Amino acid sequence: MSPRPYERSMPSVEAVCFDLDDTLCVPALSDETFHHRVAERVDTRPPFSAGQLRAVPDDAIEQPATTTEFFTNLYRAAAERYDAGVEPDDSLIERLGEAAGELSAAVGVEFRDGARRALEFARDRYRVALVTNGRPETQPPKLRQLGIADEFDRVLCCHPSGACPPKPAPEPFEWVCSDFGIAPETCVMVGDSHPADVVGAHGAGLRSVWTPTNRPHEAPPGDPEPSPTRRVDAMARLPGMLSEMDDG
């Protein structure tokens, strides 16, 4: 069996980068409840199941500028993917997106199980950065709601319209390493998205811990490329995994 990437005599961990959405935090409502309430707000039955919406690939969703645009683009991509009696240019798509944006702001987020302790563990031992795809207008309020706005040494909100390009571009990771004055191989990226977090981290020379949420469609094929340095399916296991990586 060949070694994992970066597994040969690696230096100690000096910094940890965290993704935000679905890594440190999750919506306060379940997907099923959320989308049912969205449909109720526009007085219709849900045109897509929560499972169908979760199964829409990331690369099928046009990059949004706002949370409302994200949901609008998600519903539009679902309309293109499924025969649900809704066309991508149907006005219902816009109304669903607006309702979803409003509801998302109202219900907010909560910690993913084990994430608070994992962040505390990392914070006590390493430099810590947040590298999240999203606008500066939408991501910091989530940090304030979680009470962790001051827990990071560096926060990068990455978006096509901003100075920081979104993951998997290498720039966010390179900027963190440059700011911290560390070599990329001493930095670990922790995130739920294989295309954004693992691919992006490895492209910049970092190690990775892939933390997929319980959504089977997001799991890449049996031998994903690039393979994550480590994988944990529960954030509660992250402290032990970081300690193992720190020991080389």
Protein backbone atom coordinates (compact mmCIF):
# COMPACT_ATOMS: atom_id res chain seq x y z
CA MET A 1 0.00 0.00 0.00
CA SER A 2 1.44 3.36 -0.98
CA PRO A 3 1.74 6.07 1.69
CA ARG A 4 -0.74 8.90 1.85
CA PRO A 5 0.34 12.23 0.38
CA TYR A 6 2.75 14.14 2.66
CA GLU A 7 3.02 11.15 5.01
CA ARG A 8 6.77 10.63 4.65
CA SER A 9 8.65 12.24 7.57
CA MET A 10 6.52 15.36 7.67
CA PRO A 11 7.37 18.28 9.98
CA SER A 12 5.24 19.19 12.97
CA VAL A 13 1.95 20.97 12.46
CA GLU A 14 2.24 24.72 12.99
CA ALA A 15 -1.15 25.96 11.76
CA VAL A 16 -4.65 24.70 11.03
CA CYS A 17 -7.07 26.21 8.52
CA PHE A 18 -10.77 25.55 9.01
CA ASP A 19 -13.59 25.76 6.53
CA LEU A 20 -16.82 27.18 7.98
CA ASP A 21 -20.06 25.89 6.42
CA ASP A 22 -20.70 22.18 7.09
CA THR A 23 -17.30 21.92 8.79
CA LEU A 24 -17.52 24.10 11.89
CA CYS A 25 -21.22 24.93 11.58
CA VAL A 26 -24.42 23.58 10.09
CA PRO A 27 -27.85 25.17 9.59
CA ALA A 28 -29.96 25.23 12.74
CA LEU A 29 -32.76 23.44 10.87
CA SER A 30 -32.51 20.08 9.15
CA ASP A 31 -32.49 20.20 5.36
CA GLU A 32 -35.94 18.61 5.23
CA THR A 33 -37.50 21.08 7.66
CA PHE A 34 -35.76 24.03 6.04
CA HIS A 35 -36.96 23.34 2.51
CA HIS A 36 -40.49 22.53 3.66
CA ARG A 37 -40.65 25.88 5.43
CA VAL A 38 -39.29 27.62 2.35
CA ALA A 39 -42.08 26.08 0.26
CA GLU A 40 -44.67 27.12 2.84
CA ARG A 41 -43.47 30.71 2.61
CA VAL A 42 -44.31 30.83 -1.10
CA ASP A 43 -47.51 28.78 -0.68
CA THR A 44 -46.46 25.75 -2.69
CA ARG A 45 -45.46 22.15 -2.23
CA PRO A 46 -41.71 21.49 -2.23
CA PRO A 47 -40.81 20.85 -5.89
CA PHE A 48 -37.64 19.00 -4.89
CA SER A 49 -36.85 16.72 -1.98
CA ALA A 50 -34.03 17.60 0.39
CA GLY A 51 -32.17 14.57 -0.93
CA GLN A 52 -32.45 15.80 -4.50
CA LEU A 53 -31.13 19.22 -3.53
CA ARG A 54 -28.23 17.69 -1.61
CA ALA A 55 -27.36 15.61 -4.66
CA VAL A 56 -26.87 18.62 -6.94
CA PRO A 57 -23.10 18.74 -7.61
CA ASP A 58 -21.22 21.82 -6.43
CA ASP A 59 -19.97 22.54 -9.93
CA ALA A 60 -23.56 22.66 -11.23
CA ILE A 61 -24.40 25.62 -8.99
CA GLU A 62 -23.40 29.00 -10.36
CA GLN A 63 -21.17 30.97 -7.97
CA PRO A 64 -23.47 33.20 -5.89
CA ALA A 65 -22.94 36.72 -4.59
CA THR A 66 -25.41 36.39 -1.71
CA THR A 67 -27.14 33.67 0.29
CA THR A 68 -30.34 34.36 -1.63
CA GLU A 69 -28.48 33.90 -4.91
CA PHE A 70 -27.00 30.64 -3.66
CA PHE A 71 -30.42 29.15 -3.00
CA THR A 72 -31.83 30.56 -6.23
CA ASN A 73 -28.97 28.98 -8.15
CA LEU A 74 -29.40 25.72 -6.24
CA TYR A 75 -33.11 25.51 -7.10
CA ARG A 76 -32.37 26.44 -10.70
CA ALA A 77 -29.74 23.70 -10.97
CA ALA A 78 -32.22 21.22 -9.48
CA ALA A 79 -34.84 22.26 -12.04
CA GLU A 80 -32.34 21.54 -14.80
CA ARG A 81 -31.44 18.19 -13.26
CA TYR A 82 -34.87 16.78 -12.32
CA ASP A 83 -38.22 16.47 -14.07
CA ALA A 84 -40.19 18.17 -11.32
CA GLY A 85 -42.54 20.24 -13.45
CA VAL A 86 -40.55 23.40 -12.78
CA GLU A 87 -38.49 25.12 -15.46
CA PRO A 88 -35.16 26.80 -14.60
CA ASP A 89 -36.56 30.19 -15.65
CA ASP A 90 -39.84 29.76 -13.78
CA SER A 91 -40.64 32.67 -11.45
CA LEU A 92 -41.10 30.10 -8.69
CA ILE A 93 -37.34 29.55 -8.67
CA GLU A 94 -36.74 33.21 -7.81
CA ARG A 95 -39.44 33.19 -5.13
CA LEU A 96 -38.04 30.04 -3.55
CA GLY A 97 -34.56 31.55 -3.52
CA GLU A 98 -35.76 34.74 -1.86
CA ALA A 99 -37.70 32.79 0.76
CA ALA A 100 -34.73 30.52 1.44
CA GLY A 101 -32.39 33.49 1.85
CA GLU A 102 -34.76 35.12 4.34
CA LEU A 103 -35.28 31.90 6.29
CA SER A 104 -31.56 31.14 6.39
CA ALA A 105 -30.86 34.55 7.92
CA ALA A 106 -33.66 34.06 10.44
CA VAL A 107 -32.73 30.59 11.71
CA GLY A 108 -28.95 30.96 11.61
CA VAL A 109 -26.39 28.24 12.31
CA GLU A 110 -25.16 26.02 15.11
CA PHE A 111 -21.96 24.08 15.75
CA ARG A 112 -21.52 20.80 13.96
CA ASP A 113 -21.23 18.04 16.57
CA GLY A 114 -17.73 18.06 18.03
CA ALA A 115 -16.65 21.19 16.16
CA ARG A 116 -16.40 23.55 19.13
CA ARG A 117 -14.06 21.22 20.99
CA ALA A 118 -12.03 20.59 17.84
CA LEU A 119 -11.55 24.32 17.32
CA GLU A 120 -10.58 24.83 20.97
CA PHE A 121 -8.03 22.02 20.71
CA ALA A 122 -6.47 23.54 17.60
CA ARG A 123 -6.57 27.05 19.04
CA ASP A 124 -4.67 25.95 22.15
CA ARG A 125 -1.85 24.41 20.12
CA TYR A 126 -1.50 26.03 16.69
CA ARG A 127 -2.03 29.17 14.69
CA VAL A 128 -5.60 29.03 13.41
CA ALA A 129 -7.14 30.47 10.25
CA LEU A 130 -10.61 30.43 8.74
CA VAL A 131 -10.68 29.94 4.98
CA THR A 132 -14.29 30.02 3.81
CA ASN A 133 -15.96 30.48 0.45
CA GLY A 134 -18.44 33.30 0.95
CA ARG A 135 -18.82 37.03 1.05
CA PRO A 136 -17.57 39.17 3.95
CA GLU A 137 -21.19 40.27 4.43
CA THR A 138 -22.47 36.72 5.05
CA GLN A 139 -19.74 34.76 6.85
CA PRO A 140 -18.66 36.94 9.84
CA PRO A 141 -22.23 37.10 11.21
CA LYS A 142 -22.14 33.31 11.52
CA LEU A 143 -18.93 33.56 13.55
CA ARG A 144 -20.55 36.10 15.86
CA GLN A 145 -23.61 33.90 16.30
CA LEU A 146 -21.36 30.98 17.24
CA GLY A 147 -19.30 33.19 19.57
CA ILE A 148 -16.01 32.51 17.77
CA ALA A 149 -15.42 35.77 15.90
CA ASP A 150 -12.18 36.38 17.82
CA GLU A 151 -10.89 32.80 17.77
CA PHE A 152 -8.93 33.02 14.51
CA ASP A 153 -5.55 34.53 13.78
CA ARG A 154 -6.60 35.09 10.16
CA VAL A 155 -10.01 35.10 8.46
CA LEU A 156 -10.32 34.86 4.68
CA CYS A 157 -13.75 35.16 3.05
CA CYS A 158 -13.15 33.99 -0.51
CA HIS A 159 -15.43 35.08 -3.33
CA PRO A 160 -15.06 35.78 -7.06
CA SER A 161 -16.04 39.43 -6.61
CA GLY A 162 -13.52 40.02 -3.82
CA ALA A 163 -9.75 40.20 -3.48
CA CYS A 164 -9.51 36.57 -2.37
CA PRO A 165 -10.47 34.00 -5.03
CA PRO A 166 -12.57 31.08 -3.80
CA LYS A 167 -11.19 27.65 -3.00
CA PRO A 168 -9.83 25.53 -4.65
CA ALA A 169 -7.66 28.41 -5.90
CA PRO A 170 -4.24 28.19 -4.19
CA GLU A 171 -4.09 31.87 -3.22
CA PRO A 172 -6.07 31.67 0.07
CA PHE A 173 -3.82 28.91 1.37
CA GLU A 174 -0.67 30.62 0.14
CA TRP A 175 -1.70 33.87 1.84
CA VAL A 176 -2.27 32.14 5.17
CA CYS A 177 1.14 30.47 5.06
CA SER A 178 2.79 33.74 4.06
CA ASP A 179 1.04 35.66 6.85
CA PHE A 180 2.04 33.05 9.42
CA GLY A 181 5.58 32.78 8.05
CA ILE A 182 5.36 28.99 7.77
CA ALA A 183 6.05 26.36 5.14
CA PRO A 184 2.90 24.95 3.46
CA GLU A 185 3.64 21.39 4.60
CA THR A 186 3.34 22.51 8.24
CA CYS A 187 -0.23 23.71 7.67
CA VAL A 188 -3.33 21.49 7.69
CA MET A 189 -6.63 22.34 6.00
CA VAL A 190 -9.77 20.93 7.63
CA GLY A 191 -12.92 20.94 5.52
CA ASP A 192 -15.95 19.00 4.33
CA SER A 193 -15.64 19.72 0.60
CA HIS A 194 -13.26 17.46 -1.31
CA PRO A 195 -13.27 19.66 -4.46
CA ALA A 196 -12.68 22.91 -2.56
CA ASP A 197 -10.81 22.00 0.61
CA VAL A 198 -8.76 18.91 -0.25
CA VAL A 199 -7.99 19.78 -3.86
CA GLY A 200 -7.24 23.39 -2.96
CA ALA A 201 -5.02 22.53 0.00
CA HIS A 202 -2.98 19.97 -1.87
CA GLY A 203 -2.60 22.31 -4.82
CA ALA A 204 -0.91 24.79 -2.49
CA GLY A 205 1.25 22.16 -0.75
CA LEU A 206 -0.77 21.84 2.48
CA ARG A 207 -1.89 18.66 4.17
CA SER A 208 -5.62 17.99 4.55
CA VAL A 209 -8.18 16.46 6.86
CA TRP A 210 -11.38 15.74 4.97
CA THR A 211 -14.47 15.88 7.19
CA PRO A 212 -17.43 14.93 4.97
CA THR A 213 -20.88 15.50 6.35
CA ASN A 214 -23.37 12.64 6.42
CA ARG A 215 -24.32 13.09 2.77
CA PRO A 216 -23.37 10.00 0.77
CA HIS A 217 -23.56 11.77 -2.61
CA GLU A 218 -20.65 14.02 -1.59
CA ALA A 219 -18.26 11.11 -1.13
CA PRO A 220 -15.90 10.97 -4.09
CA PRO A 221 -15.11 7.61 -5.75
CA GLY A 222 -13.30 4.96 -3.77
CA ASP A 223 -9.88 6.36 -4.60
CA PRO A 224 -10.34 10.15 -4.78
CA GLU A 225 -7.71 12.26 -6.41
CA PRO A 226 -5.99 13.76 -4.65
CA SER A 227 -6.49 11.50 -1.66
CA PRO A 228 -6.96 13.48 1.56
CA THR A 229 -4.07 13.17 3.96
CA ARG A 230 -6.57 12.02 6.57
CA ARG A 231 -10.33 11.55 6.76
CA VAL A 232 -12.55 11.88 9.83
CA ASP A 233 -16.30 11.37 9.66
CA ALA A 234 -16.90 12.97 13.07
CA MET A 235 -15.39 16.27 14.18
CA ALA A 236 -14.95 14.80 17.66
CA ARG A 237 -12.13 12.70 16.20
CA LEU A 238 -10.23 15.68 14.83
CA PRO A 239 -8.11 16.44 17.95
CA GLY A 240 -6.71 12.92 17.95
CA MET A 241 -6.07 13.06 14.22
CA LEU A 242 -4.21 16.38 14.50
CA SER A 243 -2.10 14.98 17.33
CA GLU A 244 -1.25 11.97 15.18
CA MET A 245 -0.25 14.21 12.26
CA ASP A 246 1.77 16.45 14.59
CA ASP A 247 3.79 13.43 15.69
CA GLY A 248 4.82 12.91 12.07
